[in-house]
Amino acid sequence: MSCVRKVHVRTGDIVLVRSGKDRKKRGKVLAVSPKEGKVMVEGINIVSKHVKPRRAGEEGGIVKTEGAIYACKVQLVCPKCDKPTRISHGFGDDGKKNRVCKHCGETL
């Protein structure tokens, strides 16, 4: 039985990398994998991938692509105040649960 953890970021969020070789860089979340607890961020953790040609006429070679990093190493950036922030949860007028910025109180 696999344990699916909840990840604090979603696809399309802007995040700041908190540790590792790409520390202090920002990027957009391309994909989230809650099962592994990892995210793929645009322009972060670039790895070289060896690709084989699959069809006749197609080229193989070494391709640079984004690799997955642990979600605990990234922090969400608020679009309004432009600060890295933790998120709290609040309820909107419609009764839905929303993510809220800890700094400015803006709904994310």
PDB file of N, CA and C in Angstrom:
ATOM      1  N   MET A   1       0.846  -1.181   0.000  1.00  0.00           N
ATOM      2  CA  MET A   1       0.000   0.000   0.000  1.00  0.00           C
ATOM      3  C   MET A   1       0.887   1.238   0.000  1.00  0.00           C
ATOM      4  N   SER A   2       0.628   2.146  -0.947  1.00  0.00           N
ATOM      5  CA  SER A   2       1.446   3.349  -1.032  1.00  0.00           C
ATOM      6  C   SER A   2       0.775   4.495  -0.281  1.00  0.00           C
ATOM      7  N   CYS A   3       1.607   5.322   0.304  1.00  0.00           N
ATOM      8  CA  CYS A   3       1.112   6.469   1.064  1.00  0.00           C
ATOM      9  C   CYS A   3       1.224   7.712   0.187  1.00  0.00           C
ATOM     10  N   VAL A   4       0.106   8.328  -0.149  1.00  0.00           N
ATOM     11  CA  VAL A   4       0.113   9.543  -0.956  1.00  0.00           C
ATOM     12  C   VAL A   4       0.088  10.735  -0.009  1.00  0.00           C
ATOM     13  N   ARG A   5       1.173  11.519  -0.034  1.00  0.00           N
ATOM     14  CA  ARG A   5       1.278  12.690   0.833  1.00  0.00           C
ATOM     15  C   ARG A   5       0.711  13.908   0.121  1.00  0.00           C
ATOM     16  N   LYS A   6       0.200  14.832   0.897  1.00  0.00           N
ATOM     17  CA  LYS A   6      -0.298  16.073   0.324  1.00  0.00           C
ATOM     18  C   LYS A   6       0.889  17.008   0.113  1.00  0.00           C
ATOM     19  N   VAL A   7       0.978  17.603  -1.075  1.00  0.00           N
ATOM     20  CA  VAL A   7       2.069  18.516  -1.412  1.00  0.00           C
ATOM     21  C   VAL A   7       1.520  19.939  -1.347  1.00  0.00           C
ATOM     22  N   HIS A   8       2.296  20.869  -0.797  1.00  0.00           N
ATOM     23  CA  HIS A   8       1.821  22.237  -0.551  1.00  0.00           C
ATOM     24  C   HIS A   8       1.813  23.139  -1.780  1.00  0.00           C
ATOM     25  N   VAL A   9       2.314  22.654  -2.910  1.00  0.00           N
ATOM     26  CA  VAL A   9       2.303  23.455  -4.136  1.00  0.00           C
ATOM     27  C   VAL A   9       1.484  22.749  -5.204  1.00  0.00           C
ATOM     28  N   ARG A  10       1.026  23.538  -6.174  1.00  0.00           N
ATOM     29  CA  ARG A  10       0.232  23.000  -7.275  1.00  0.00           C
ATOM     30  C   ARG A  10       0.897  23.347  -8.594  1.00  0.00           C
ATOM     31  N   THR A  11       0.490  22.694  -9.655  1.00  0.00           N
ATOM     32  CA  THR A  11       0.993  22.988 -10.987  1.00  0.00           C
ATOM     33  C   THR A  11       0.641  24.426 -11.356  1.00  0.00           C
ATOM     34  N   GLY A  12       1.635  25.172 -11.850  1.00  0.00           N
ATOM     35  CA  GLY A  12       1.412  26.563 -12.236  1.00  0.00           C
ATOM     36  C   GLY A  12       1.851  27.571 -11.186  1.00  0.00           C
ATOM     37  N   ASP A  13       2.121  27.127  -9.955  1.00  0.00           N
ATOM     38  CA  ASP A  13       2.590  28.032  -8.900  1.00  0.00           C
ATOM     39  C   ASP A  13       4.017  28.489  -9.172  1.00  0.00           C
ATOM     40  N   ILE A  14       4.357  29.697  -8.721  1.00  0.00           N
ATOM     41  CA  ILE A  14       5.741  30.178  -8.763  1.00  0.00           C
ATOM     42  C   ILE A  14       6.366  29.841  -7.420  1.00  0.00           C
ATOM     43  N   VAL A  15       7.536  29.184  -7.450  1.00  0.00           N
ATOM     44  CA  VAL A  15       8.191  28.764  -6.213  1.00  0.00           C
ATOM     45  C   VAL A  15       9.637  29.248  -6.171  1.00  0.00           C
ATOM     46  N   LEU A  16      10.184  29.302  -4.954  1.00  0.00           N
ATOM     47  CA  LEU A  16      11.582  29.642  -4.712  1.00  0.00           C
ATOM     48  C   LEU A  16      12.271  28.397  -4.189  1.00  0.00           C
ATOM     49  N   VAL A  17      13.441  28.059  -4.746  1.00  0.00           N
ATOM     50  CA  VAL A  17      14.199  26.892  -4.295  1.00  0.00           C
ATOM     51  C   VAL A  17      14.984  27.290  -3.053  1.00  0.00           C
ATOM     52  N   ARG A  18      14.823  26.540  -1.969  1.00  0.00           N
ATOM     53  CA  ARG A  18      15.428  26.888  -0.685  1.00  0.00           C
ATOM     54  C   ARG A  18      16.794  26.243  -0.448  1.00  0.00           C
ATOM     55  N   SER A  19      17.105  25.134  -1.121  1.00  0.00           N
ATOM     56  CA  SER A  19      18.399  24.487  -0.902  1.00  0.00           C
ATOM     57  C   SER A  19      18.825  23.731  -2.153  1.00  0.00           C
ATOM     58  N   GLY A  20      20.103  23.426  -2.214  1.00  0.00           N
ATOM     59  CA  GLY A  20      20.644  22.685  -3.347  1.00  0.00           C
ATOM     60  C   GLY A  20      21.419  23.579  -4.291  1.00  0.00           C
ATOM     61  N   LYS A  21      21.780  23.021  -5.443  1.00  0.00           N
ATOM     62  CA  LYS A  21      22.621  23.748  -6.400  1.00  0.00           C
ATOM     63  C   LYS A  21      21.898  24.938  -7.044  1.00  0.00           C
ATOM     64  N   ASP A  22      20.566  24.923  -7.067  1.00  0.00           N
ATOM     65  CA  ASP A  22      19.780  26.002  -7.667  1.00  0.00           C
ATOM     66  C   ASP A  22      19.153  26.904  -6.609  1.00  0.00           C
ATOM     67  N   ARG A  23      19.789  27.006  -5.456  1.00  0.00           N
ATOM     68  CA  ARG A  23      19.277  27.805  -4.333  1.00  0.00           C
ATOM     69  C   ARG A  23      19.043  29.256  -4.753  1.00  0.00           C
ATOM     70  N   LYS A  24      17.957  29.842  -4.264  1.00  0.00           N
ATOM     71  CA  LYS A  24      17.546  31.232  -4.519  1.00  0.00           C
ATOM     72  C   LYS A  24      17.013  31.484  -5.927  1.00  0.00           C
ATOM     73  N   LYS A  25      16.810  30.440  -6.714  1.00  0.00           N
ATOM     74  CA  LYS A  25      16.223  30.603  -8.045  1.00  0.00           C
ATOM     75  C   LYS A  25      14.717  30.402  -7.957  1.00  0.00           C
ATOM     76  N   ARG A  26      14.012  31.096  -8.854  1.00  0.00           N
ATOM     77  CA  ARG A  26      12.560  30.961  -8.917  1.00  0.00           C
ATOM     78  C   ARG A  26      12.153  30.289 -10.210  1.00  0.00           C
ATOM     79  N   GLY A  27      11.029  29.615 -10.178  1.00  0.00           N
ATOM     80  CA  GLY A  27      10.520  28.972 -11.380  1.00  0.00           C
ATOM     81  C   GLY A  27       9.067  28.560 -11.215  1.00  0.00           C
ATOM     82  N   LYS A  28       8.466  28.184 -12.318  1.00  0.00           N
ATOM     83  CA  LYS A  28       7.066  27.763 -12.354  1.00  0.00           C
ATOM     84  C   LYS A  28       7.001  26.242 -12.216  1.00  0.00           C
ATOM     85  N   VAL A  29       6.067  25.752 -11.415  1.00  0.00           N
ATOM     86  CA  VAL A  29       5.896  24.311 -11.215  1.00  0.00           C
ATOM     87  C   VAL A  29       5.259  23.717 -12.463  1.00  0.00           C
ATOM     88  N   LEU A  30       5.957  22.745 -13.076  1.00  0.00           N
ATOM     89  CA  LEU A  30       5.461  22.089 -14.288  1.00  0.00           C
ATOM     90  C   LEU A  30       4.631  20.855 -13.969  1.00  0.00           C
ATOM     91  N   ALA A  31       5.058  20.096 -12.943  1.00  0.00           N
ATOM     92  CA  ALA A  31       4.357  18.865 -12.583  1.00  0.00           C
ATOM     93  C   ALA A  31       4.557  18.583 -11.102  1.00  0.00           C
ATOM     94  N   VAL A  32       3.570  17.919 -10.497  1.00  0.00           N
ATOM     95  CA  VAL A  32       3.627  17.551  -9.087  1.00  0.00           C
ATOM     96  C   VAL A  32       3.390  16.049  -8.984  1.00  0.00           C
ATOM     97  N   SER A  33       4.217  15.375  -8.181  1.00  0.00           N
ATOM     98  CA  SER A  33       4.058  13.948  -7.948  1.00  0.00           C
ATOM     99  C   SER A  33       3.888  13.708  -6.443  1.00  0.00           C
ATOM    100  N   PRO A  34       2.641  13.700  -5.943  1.00  0.00           N
ATOM    101  CA  PRO A  34       2.425  13.538  -4.507  1.00  0.00           C
ATOM    102  C   PRO A  34       2.885  12.180  -3.977  1.00  0.00           C
ATOM    103  N   LYS A  35       2.839  11.164  -4.818  1.00  0.00           N
ATOM    104  CA  LYS A  35       3.254   9.816  -4.397  1.00  0.00           C
ATOM    105  C   LYS A  35       4.727   9.797  -4.005  1.00  0.00           C
ATOM    106  N   GLU A  36       5.559  10.511  -4.772  1.00  0.00           N
ATOM    107  CA  GLU A  36       6.993  10.587  -4.490  1.00  0.00           C
ATOM    108  C   GLU A  36       7.343  11.793  -3.625  1.00  0.00           C
ATOM    109  N   GLY A  37       6.426  12.759  -3.507  1.00  0.00           N
ATOM    110  CA  GLY A  37       6.698  13.984  -2.764  1.00  0.00           C
ATOM    111  C   GLY A  37       7.644  14.901  -3.519  1.00  0.00           C
ATOM    112  N   LYS A  38       7.573  14.868  -4.861  1.00  0.00           N
ATOM    113  CA  LYS A  38       8.484  15.642  -5.695  1.00  0.00           C
ATOM    114  C   LYS A  38       7.729  16.573  -6.635  1.00  0.00           C
ATOM    115  N   VAL A  39       8.442  17.608  -7.099  1.00  0.00           N
ATOM    116  CA  VAL A  39       7.901  18.545  -8.079  1.00  0.00           C
ATOM    117  C   VAL A  39       8.928  18.775  -9.178  1.00  0.00           C
ATOM    118  N   MET A  40       8.452  19.146 -10.358  1.00  0.00           N
ATOM    119  CA  MET A  40       9.338  19.548 -11.451  1.00  0.00           C
ATOM    120  C   MET A  40       9.139  21.034 -11.666  1.00  0.00           C
ATOM    121  N   VAL A  41      10.247  21.802 -11.626  1.00  0.00           N
ATOM    122  CA  VAL A  41      10.188  23.251 -11.733  1.00  0.00           C
ATOM    123  C   VAL A  41      10.929  23.682 -12.987  1.00  0.00           C
ATOM    124  N   GLU A  42      10.327  24.628 -13.717  1.00  0.00           N
ATOM    125  CA  GLU A  42      10.876  25.126 -14.975  1.00  0.00           C
ATOM    126  C   GLU A  42      12.250  25.766 -14.755  1.00  0.00           C
ATOM    127  N   GLY A  43      13.272  25.261 -15.453  1.00  0.00           N
ATOM    128  CA  GLY A  43      14.618  25.829 -15.392  1.00  0.00           C
ATOM    129  C   GLY A  43      15.430  25.432 -14.171  1.00  0.00           C
ATOM    130  N   ILE A  44      14.920  24.537 -13.334  1.00  0.00           N
ATOM    131  CA  ILE A  44      15.597  24.121 -12.104  1.00  0.00           C
ATOM    132  C   ILE A  44      15.985  22.651 -12.212  1.00  0.00           C
ATOM    133  N   ASN A  45      17.156  22.307 -11.663  1.00  0.00           N
ATOM    134  CA  ASN A  45      17.672  20.932 -11.650  1.00  0.00           C
ATOM    135  C   ASN A  45      17.761  20.359 -13.068  1.00  0.00           C
ATOM    136  N   ILE A  46      18.485  21.058 -13.931  1.00  0.00           N
ATOM    137  CA  ILE A  46      18.653  20.625 -15.321  1.00  0.00           C
ATOM    138  C   ILE A  46      19.585  19.405 -15.362  1.00  0.00           C
ATOM    139  N   VAL A  47      19.114  18.341 -15.993  1.00  0.00           N
ATOM    140  CA  VAL A  47      19.883  17.108 -16.107  1.00  0.00           C
ATOM    141  C   VAL A  47      20.058  16.744 -17.580  1.00  0.00           C
ATOM    142  N   SER A  48      21.110  15.981 -17.885  1.00  0.00           N
ATOM    143  CA  SER A  48      21.357  15.504 -19.246  1.00  0.00           C
ATOM    144  C   SER A  48      20.747  14.119 -19.395  1.00  0.00           C
ATOM    145  N   LYS A  49      19.944  13.962 -20.426  1.00  0.00           N
ATOM    146  CA  LYS A  49      19.253  12.708 -20.660  1.00  0.00           C
ATOM    147  C   LYS A  49      19.699  12.151 -22.001  1.00  0.00           C
ATOM    148  N   HIS A  50      20.094  10.888 -22.040  1.00  0.00           N
ATOM    149  CA  HIS A  50      20.503  10.247 -23.287  1.00  0.00           C
ATOM    150  C   HIS A  50      19.273   9.666 -23.964  1.00  0.00           C
ATOM    151  N   VAL A  51      18.965  10.177 -25.158  1.00  0.00           N
ATOM    152  CA  VAL A  51      17.748   9.782 -25.867  1.00  0.00           C
ATOM    153  C   VAL A  51      18.121   8.990 -27.109  1.00  0.00           C
ATOM    154  N   LYS A  52      17.451   7.858 -27.271  1.00  0.00           N
ATOM    155  CA  LYS A  52      17.664   6.993 -28.423  1.00  0.00           C
ATOM    156  C   LYS A  52      16.679   7.359 -29.520  1.00  0.00           C
ATOM    157  N   PRO A  53      17.095   7.316 -30.787  1.00  0.00           N
ATOM    158  CA  PRO A  53      16.123   7.574 -31.858  1.00  0.00           C
ATOM    159  C   PRO A  53      15.083   6.453 -31.907  1.00  0.00           C
ATOM    160  N   ARG A  54      13.821   6.804 -31.917  1.00  0.00           N
ATOM    161  CA  ARG A  54      12.746   5.804 -31.891  1.00  0.00           C
ATOM    162  C   ARG A  54      12.274   5.420 -33.296  1.00  0.00           C
ATOM    163  N   ARG A  55      12.303   6.351 -34.257  1.00  0.00           N
ATOM    164  CA  ARG A  55      11.867   6.074 -35.622  1.00  0.00           C
ATOM    165  C   ARG A  55      12.998   6.380 -36.587  1.00  0.00           C
ATOM    166  N   ALA A  56      12.852   5.909 -37.808  1.00  0.00           N
ATOM    167  CA  ALA A  56      13.823   6.227 -38.847  1.00  0.00           C
ATOM    168  C   ALA A  56      13.754   7.718 -39.152  1.00  0.00           C
ATOM    169  N   GLY A  57      14.891   8.372 -39.206  1.00  0.00           N
ATOM    170  CA  GLY A  57      14.932   9.802 -39.480  1.00  0.00           C
ATOM    171  C   GLY A  57      14.926  10.661 -38.223  1.00  0.00           C
ATOM    172  N   GLU A  58      14.576  10.083 -37.093  1.00  0.00           N
ATOM    173  CA  GLU A  58      14.563  10.829 -35.833  1.00  0.00           C
ATOM    174  C   GLU A  58      15.968  10.842 -35.244  1.00  0.00           C
ATOM    175  N   GLU A  59      16.333  11.957 -34.637  1.00  0.00           N
ATOM    176  CA  GLU A  59      17.678  12.073 -34.082  1.00  0.00           C
ATOM    177  C   GLU A  59      17.707  11.697 -32.613  1.00  0.00           C
ATOM    178  N   GLY A  60      18.769  11.032 -32.224  1.00  0.00           N
ATOM    179  CA  GLY A  60      19.021  10.739 -30.824  1.00  0.00           C
ATOM    180  C   GLY A  60      20.024  11.743 -30.304  1.00  0.00           C
ATOM    181  N   GLY A  61      20.542  11.512 -29.115  1.00  0.00           N
ATOM    182  CA  GLY A  61      21.557  12.408 -28.578  1.00  0.00           C
ATOM    183  C   GLY A  61      21.342  12.706 -27.111  1.00  0.00           C
ATOM    184  N   ILE A  62      22.011  13.738 -26.648  1.00  0.00           N
ATOM    185  CA  ILE A  62      21.915  14.143 -25.256  1.00  0.00           C
ATOM    186  C   ILE A  62      21.008  15.369 -25.177  1.00  0.00           C
ATOM    187  N   VAL A  63      19.953  15.256 -24.379  1.00  0.00           N
ATOM    188  CA  VAL A  63      18.957  16.310 -24.253  1.00  0.00           C
ATOM    189  C   VAL A  63      18.990  16.856 -22.828  1.00  0.00           C
ATOM    190  N   LYS A  64      18.945  18.177 -22.702  1.00  0.00           N
ATOM    191  CA  LYS A  64      18.875  18.811 -21.375  1.00  0.00           C
ATOM    192  C   LYS A  64      17.403  18.960 -20.998  1.00  0.00           C
ATOM    193  N   THR A  65      17.043  18.517 -19.796  1.00  0.00           N
ATOM    194  CA  THR A  65      15.654  18.592 -19.339  1.00  0.00           C
ATOM    195  C   THR A  65      15.601  18.808 -17.831  1.00  0.00           C
ATOM    196  N   GLU A  66      14.427  19.205 -17.324  1.00  0.00           N
ATOM    197  CA  GLU A  66      14.262  19.409 -15.892  1.00  0.00           C
ATOM    198  C   GLU A  66      14.110  18.075 -15.180  1.00  0.00           C
ATOM    199  N   GLY A  67      14.754  17.967 -14.030  1.00  0.00           N
ATOM    200  CA  GLY A  67      14.605  16.796 -13.184  1.00  0.00           C
ATOM    201  C   GLY A  67      13.727  17.131 -11.995  1.00  0.00           C
ATOM    202  N   ALA A  68      13.200  16.108 -11.341  1.00  0.00           N
ATOM    203  CA  ALA A  68      12.324  16.323 -10.186  1.00  0.00           C
ATOM    204  C   ALA A  68      13.151  16.649  -8.948  1.00  0.00           C
ATOM    205  N   ILE A  69      12.609  17.510  -8.080  1.00  0.00           N
ATOM    206  CA  ILE A  69      13.235  17.804  -6.791  1.00  0.00           C
ATOM    207  C   ILE A  69      12.184  17.621  -5.698  1.00  0.00           C
ATOM    208  N   TYR A  70      12.633  17.406  -4.481  1.00  0.00           N
ATOM    209  CA  TYR A  70      11.712  17.205  -3.372  1.00  0.00           C
ATOM    210  C   TYR A  70      10.919  18.476  -3.094  1.00  0.00           C
ATOM    211  N   ALA A  71       9.629  18.312  -2.828  1.00  0.00           N
ATOM    212  CA  ALA A  71       8.734  19.443  -2.586  1.00  0.00           C
ATOM    213  C   ALA A  71       9.112  20.216  -1.329  1.00  0.00           C
ATOM    214  N   CYS A  72       9.769  19.560  -0.374  1.00  0.00           N
ATOM    215  CA  CYS A  72      10.156  20.244   0.860  1.00  0.00           C
ATOM    216  C   CYS A  72      11.280  21.250   0.617  1.00  0.00           C
ATOM    217  N   LYS A  73      11.926  21.204  -0.537  1.00  0.00           N
ATOM    218  CA  LYS A  73      13.022  22.117  -0.862  1.00  0.00           C
ATOM    219  C   LYS A  73      12.554  23.382  -1.568  1.00  0.00           C
ATOM    220  N   VAL A  74      11.245  23.488  -1.842  1.00  0.00           N
ATOM    221  CA  VAL A  74      10.715  24.678  -2.503  1.00  0.00           C
ATOM    222  C   VAL A  74       9.697  25.365  -1.611  1.00  0.00           C
ATOM    223  N   GLN A  75       9.566  26.687  -1.793  1.00  0.00           N
ATOM    224  CA  GLN A  75       8.605  27.470  -1.027  1.00  0.00           C
ATOM    225  C   GLN A  75       7.791  28.324  -1.985  1.00  0.00           C
ATOM    226  N   LEU A  76       6.510  28.365  -1.763  1.00  0.00           N
ATOM    227  CA  LEU A  76       5.583  29.107  -2.603  1.00  0.00           C
ATOM    228  C   LEU A  76       5.858  30.603  -2.515  1.00  0.00           C
ATOM    229  N   VAL A  77       5.772  31.308  -3.658  1.00  0.00           N
ATOM    230  CA  VAL A  77       5.944  32.753  -3.711  1.00  0.00           C
ATOM    231  C   VAL A  77       4.568  33.377  -3.946  1.00  0.00           C
ATOM    232  N   CYS A  78       4.203  34.339  -3.087  1.00  0.00           N
ATOM    233  CA  CYS A  78       2.915  35.023  -3.205  1.00  0.00           C
ATOM    234  C   CYS A  78       2.944  35.933  -4.427  1.00  0.00           C
ATOM    235  N   PRO A  79       1.947  35.856  -5.322  1.00  0.00           N
ATOM    236  CA  PRO A  79       1.946  36.718  -6.513  1.00  0.00           C
ATOM    237  C   PRO A  79       1.702  38.197  -6.197  1.00  0.00           C
ATOM    238  N   LYS A  80       1.048  38.489  -5.058  1.00  0.00           N
ATOM    239  CA  LYS A  80       0.753  39.881  -4.721  1.00  0.00           C
ATOM    240  C   LYS A  80       1.946  40.582  -4.062  1.00  0.00           C
ATOM    241  N   CYS A  81       2.461  40.009  -2.948  1.00  0.00           N
ATOM    242  CA  CYS A  81       3.547  40.673  -2.219  1.00  0.00           C
ATOM    243  C   CYS A  81       4.926  40.227  -2.698  1.00  0.00           C
ATOM    244  N   ASP A  82       4.997  39.224  -3.585  1.00  0.00           N
ATOM    245  CA  ASP A  82       6.238  38.728  -4.188  1.00  0.00           C
ATOM    246  C   ASP A  82       7.251  38.242  -3.155  1.00  0.00           C
ATOM    247  N   LYS A  83       6.754  37.671  -2.047  1.00  0.00           N
ATOM    248  CA  LYS A  83       7.623  37.126  -1.003  1.00  0.00           C
ATOM    249  C   LYS A  83       7.427  35.613  -0.910  1.00  0.00           C
ATOM    250  N   PRO A  84       8.497  34.866  -0.591  1.00  0.00           N
ATOM    251  CA  PRO A  84       8.314  33.443  -0.312  1.00  0.00           C
ATOM    252  C   PRO A  84       7.501  33.313   0.973  1.00  0.00           C
ATOM    253  N   THR A  85       6.508  32.468   0.978  1.00  0.00           N
ATOM    254  CA  THR A  85       5.607  32.401   2.120  1.00  0.00           C
ATOM    255  C   THR A  85       5.147  30.989   2.407  1.00  0.00           C
ATOM    256  N   ARG A  86       4.790  30.777   3.669  1.00  0.00           N
ATOM    257  CA  ARG A  86       4.057  29.571   4.039  1.00  0.00           C
ATOM    258  C   ARG A  86       2.601  29.876   3.762  1.00  0.00           C
ATOM    259  N   ILE A  87       1.795  28.856   3.644  1.00  0.00           N
ATOM    260  CA  ILE A  87       0.389  29.108   3.372  1.00  0.00           C
ATOM    261  C   ILE A  87      -0.450  28.695   4.566  1.00  0.00           C
ATOM    262  N   SER A  88      -1.510  29.455   4.793  1.00  0.00           N
ATOM    263  CA  SER A  88      -2.523  29.063   5.769  1.00  0.00           C
ATOM    264  C   SER A  88      -3.795  28.808   4.977  1.00  0.00           C
ATOM    265  N   HIS A  89      -4.784  28.308   5.638  1.00  0.00           N
ATOM    266  CA  HIS A  89      -6.044  28.015   4.965  1.00  0.00           C
ATOM    267  C   HIS A  89      -7.157  28.843   5.576  1.00  0.00           C
ATOM    268  N   GLY A  90      -8.035  29.321   4.731  1.00  0.00           N
ATOM    269  CA  GLY A  90      -9.190  30.091   5.174  1.00  0.00           C
ATOM    270  C   GLY A  90     -10.368  29.763   4.290  1.00  0.00           C
ATOM    271  N   PHE A  91     -11.541  30.222   4.693  1.00  0.00           N
ATOM    272  CA  PHE A  91     -12.741  29.954   3.920  1.00  0.00           C
ATOM    273  C   PHE A  91     -13.213  31.234   3.261  1.00  0.00           C
ATOM    274  N   GLY A  92     -13.570  31.158   1.989  1.00  0.00           N
ATOM    275  CA  GLY A  92     -14.049  32.311   1.234  1.00  0.00           C
ATOM    276  C   GLY A  92     -15.530  32.548   1.472  1.00  0.00           C
ATOM    277  N   ASP A  93     -16.081  33.517   0.749  1.00  0.00           N
ATOM    278  CA  ASP A  93     -17.505  33.859   0.862  1.00  0.00           C
ATOM    279  C   ASP A  93     -18.400  32.719   0.401  1.00  0.00           C
ATOM    280  N   ASP A  94     -17.883  31.934  -0.557  1.00  0.00           N
ATOM    281  CA  ASP A  94     -18.672  30.826  -1.090  1.00  0.00           C
ATOM    282  C   ASP A  94     -18.569  29.556  -0.230  1.00  0.00           C
ATOM    283  N   GLY A  95     -17.780  29.608   0.850  1.00  0.00           N
ATOM    284  CA  GLY A  95     -17.642  28.456   1.743  1.00  0.00           C
ATOM    285  C   GLY A  95     -16.557  27.483   1.351  1.00  0.00           C
ATOM    286  N   LYS A  96     -15.815  27.789   0.257  1.00  0.00           N
ATOM    287  CA  LYS A  96     -14.731  26.916  -0.177  1.00  0.00           C
ATOM    288  C   LYS A  96     -13.460  27.203   0.609  1.00  0.00           C
ATOM    289  N   LYS A  97     -12.647  26.174   0.806  1.00  0.00           N
ATOM    290  CA  LYS A  97     -11.370  26.310   1.505  1.00  0.00           C
ATOM    291  C   LYS A  97     -10.336  26.880   0.541  1.00  0.00           C
ATOM    292  N   ASN A  98      -9.637  27.935   0.935  1.00  0.00           N
ATOM    293  CA  ASN A  98      -8.660  28.604   0.076  1.00  0.00           C
ATOM    294  C   ASN A  98      -7.285  28.609   0.716  1.00  0.00           C
ATOM    295  N   ARG A  99      -6.261  28.733  -0.126  1.00  0.00           N
ATOM    296  CA  ARG A  99      -4.899  28.947   0.372  1.00  0.00           C
ATOM    297  C   ARG A  99      -4.696  30.445   0.557  1.00  0.00           C
ATOM    298  N   VAL A 100      -4.113  30.840   1.681  1.00  0.00           N
ATOM    299  CA  VAL A 100      -3.953  32.250   2.020  1.00  0.00           C
ATOM    300  C   VAL A 100      -2.489  32.525   2.362  1.00  0.00           C
ATOM    301  N   CYS A 101      -1.959  33.667   1.875  1.00  0.00           N
ATOM    302  CA  CYS A 101      -0.590  34.095   2.149  1.00  0.00           C
ATOM    303  C   CYS A 101      -0.462  34.509   3.613  1.00  0.00           C
ATOM    304  N   LYS A 102       0.600  34.082   4.297  1.00  0.00           N
ATOM    305  CA  LYS A 102       0.827  34.433   5.696  1.00  0.00           C
ATOM    306  C   LYS A 102       1.237  35.894   5.851  1.00  0.00           C
ATOM    307  N   HIS A 103       1.861  36.504   4.804  1.00  0.00           N
ATOM    308  CA  HIS A 103       2.351  37.877   4.908  1.00  0.00           C
ATOM    309  C   HIS A 103       1.264  38.913   4.672  1.00  0.00           C
ATOM    310  N   CYS A 104       0.569  38.803   3.527  1.00  0.00           N
ATOM    311  CA  CYS A 104      -0.365  39.859   3.133  1.00  0.00           C
ATOM    312  C   CYS A 104      -1.826  39.456   3.257  1.00  0.00           C
ATOM    313  N   GLY A 105      -2.116  38.175   3.491  1.00  0.00           N
ATOM    314  CA  GLY A 105      -3.496  37.725   3.636  1.00  0.00           C
ATOM    315  C   GLY A 105      -4.237  37.521   2.319  1.00  0.00           C
ATOM    316  N   GLU A 106      -3.524  37.602   1.201  1.00  0.00           N
ATOM    317  CA  GLU A 106      -4.118  37.431  -0.117  1.00  0.00           C
ATOM    318  C   GLU A 106      -4.459  35.971  -0.382  1.00  0.00           C
ATOM    319  N   THR A 107      -5.603  35.717  -1.016  1.00  0.00           N
ATOM    320  CA  THR A 107      -5.982  34.365  -1.409  1.00  0.00           C
ATOM    321  C   THR A 107      -5.164  33.955  -2.615  1.00  0.00           C
ATOM    322  N   LEU A 108      -4.566  32.765  -2.557  1.00  0.00           N
ATOM    323  CA  LEU A 108      -3.707  32.291  -3.642  1.00  0.00           C
ATOM    324  C   LEU A 108      -4.497  31.405  -4.592  1.00  0.00           C
TER     325      LEU A 108
END
